[in-house]
Structures are given as structure tokens and as C-alpha cells.
C-alpha atoms as a PDB file:
ATOM      1  CA  UNK A   1     -53.940 -48.812   7.223  1.00  0.00           C
ATOM      2  CA  UNK A   2     -53.757 -45.009   7.495  1.00  0.00           C
ATOM      3  CA  UNK A   3     -51.009 -45.004   4.799  1.00  0.00           C
ATOM      4  CA  UNK A   4     -48.847 -42.611   6.820  1.00  0.00           C
ATOM      5  CA  UNK A   5     -45.093 -42.945   6.793  1.00  0.00           C
ATOM      6  CA  UNK A   6     -43.768 -44.177  10.110  1.00  0.00           C
ATOM      7  CA  UNK A   7     -40.179 -43.616  11.121  1.00  0.00           C
ATOM      8  CA  UNK A   8     -38.157 -46.205  12.962  1.00  0.00           C
ATOM      9  CA  UNK A   9     -36.233 -44.973  15.993  1.00  0.00           C
ATOM     10  CA  UNK A  10     -33.314 -46.665  17.695  1.00  0.00           C
ATOM     11  CA  UNK A  11     -31.468 -45.895  20.900  1.00  0.00           C
ATOM     12  CA  UNK A  12     -27.678 -45.972  21.139  1.00  0.00           C
ATOM     13  CA  UNK A  13     -27.206 -47.733  17.808  1.00  0.00           C
ATOM     14  CA  UNK A  14     -29.451 -50.640  18.759  1.00  0.00           C
ATOM     15  CA  UNK A  15     -30.522 -51.087  15.117  1.00  0.00           C
ATOM     16  CA  UNK A  16     -27.164 -52.566  14.128  1.00  0.00           C
ATOM     17  CA  UNK A  17     -23.883 -53.673  15.595  1.00  0.00           C
ATOM     18  CA  UNK A  18     -22.005 -50.360  15.437  1.00  0.00           C
ATOM     19  CA  UNK A  19     -18.606 -51.881  16.153  1.00  0.00           C
ATOM     20  CA  UNK A  20     -19.028 -54.588  13.532  1.00  0.00           C
ATOM     21  CA  UNK A  21     -20.254 -52.042  11.011  1.00  0.00           C
ATOM     22  CA  UNK A  22     -17.194 -49.842  11.554  1.00  0.00           C
ATOM     23  CA  UNK A  23     -14.854 -52.816  11.235  1.00  0.00           C
ATOM     24  CA  UNK A  24     -16.542 -53.840   7.971  1.00  0.00           C
ATOM     25  CA  UNK A  25     -16.100 -50.317   6.576  1.00  0.00           C
ATOM     26  CA  UNK A  26     -12.458 -50.248   7.648  1.00  0.00           C
ATOM     27  CA  UNK A  27     -11.724 -53.666   6.145  1.00  0.00           C
ATOM     28  CA  UNK A  28     -13.390 -52.915   2.833  1.00  0.00           C
ATOM     29  CA  UNK A  29     -12.711 -49.218   2.288  1.00  0.00           C
ATOM     30  CA  UNK A  30      -9.273 -48.523   3.789  1.00  0.00           C
ATOM     31  CA  UNK A  31      -6.938 -46.901   1.270  1.00  0.00           C
ATOM     32  CA  UNK A  32      -3.180 -47.441   0.922  1.00  0.00           C
ATOM     33  CA  UNK A  33      -2.525 -44.149   2.735  1.00  0.00           C
ATOM     34  CA  UNK A  34      -4.631 -45.248   5.733  1.00  0.00           C
ATOM     35  CA  UNK A  35      -7.716 -43.130   5.037  1.00  0.00           C
ATOM     36  CA  UNK A  36     -11.137 -44.766   5.076  1.00  0.00           C
ATOM     37  CA  UNK A  37     -13.273 -44.019   2.021  1.00  0.00           C
ATOM     38  CA  UNK A  38     -16.914 -43.437   2.844  1.00  0.00           C
ATOM     39  CA  UNK A  39     -19.173 -45.373   0.442  1.00  0.00           C
ATOM     40  CA  UNK A  40     -21.194 -43.073  -1.822  1.00  0.00           C
ATOM     41  CA  UNK A  41     -24.481 -44.321  -0.396  1.00  0.00           C
ATOM     42  CA  UNK A  42     -23.449 -43.137   3.102  1.00  0.00           C
ATOM     43  CA  UNK A  43     -22.020 -39.736   2.132  1.00  0.00           C
ATOM     44  CA  UNK A  44     -25.318 -37.834   2.429  1.00  0.00           C
ATOM     45  CA  UNK A  45     -25.373 -38.878   6.102  1.00  0.00           C
ATOM     46  CA  UNK A  46     -21.775 -37.689   6.516  1.00  0.00           C
ATOM     47  CA  UNK A  47     -22.376 -34.197   5.073  1.00  0.00           C
ATOM     48  CA  UNK A  48     -20.720 -35.187   1.805  1.00  0.00           C
ATOM     49  CA  UNK A  49     -17.460 -36.275   3.444  1.00  0.00           C
ATOM     50  CA  UNK A  50     -15.523 -38.617   1.141  1.00  0.00           C
ATOM     51  CA  UNK A  51     -12.785 -39.843   3.483  1.00  0.00           C
ATOM     52  CA  UNK A  52     -12.085 -40.239   7.179  1.00  0.00           C
ATOM     53  CA  UNK A  53      -8.522 -39.682   8.269  1.00  0.00           C
END
């Protein structure tokens, strides 16, 4: 009850299924030209990158 913010740490992507997450992004955000659009909510973590490929 010290009201301090605590950060969660994971090792080697153990917080989520990395492979499944990538497949979900590819299935839902692949463009006609083959590029993968990065969802807006994830762009801050990707240095503002909008597309992969």
C-alpha cells in the first residue's frame, strides 16, 4: 500500500505468445502491396514507424 508504481518485467517475450502476436498482426494489417501496417497504438514503441516491409 505504498502507492508506488511497479513495473512488470518479462524475459524473452514471456508475457505473450510472440509468434501468435506477429501472425495476428500479419493477418489483420497486411496491405495489398505486402507491407504490414503497424497499428497506431503500437507506433510509439516502433519509433513512429507506420509500415514494415
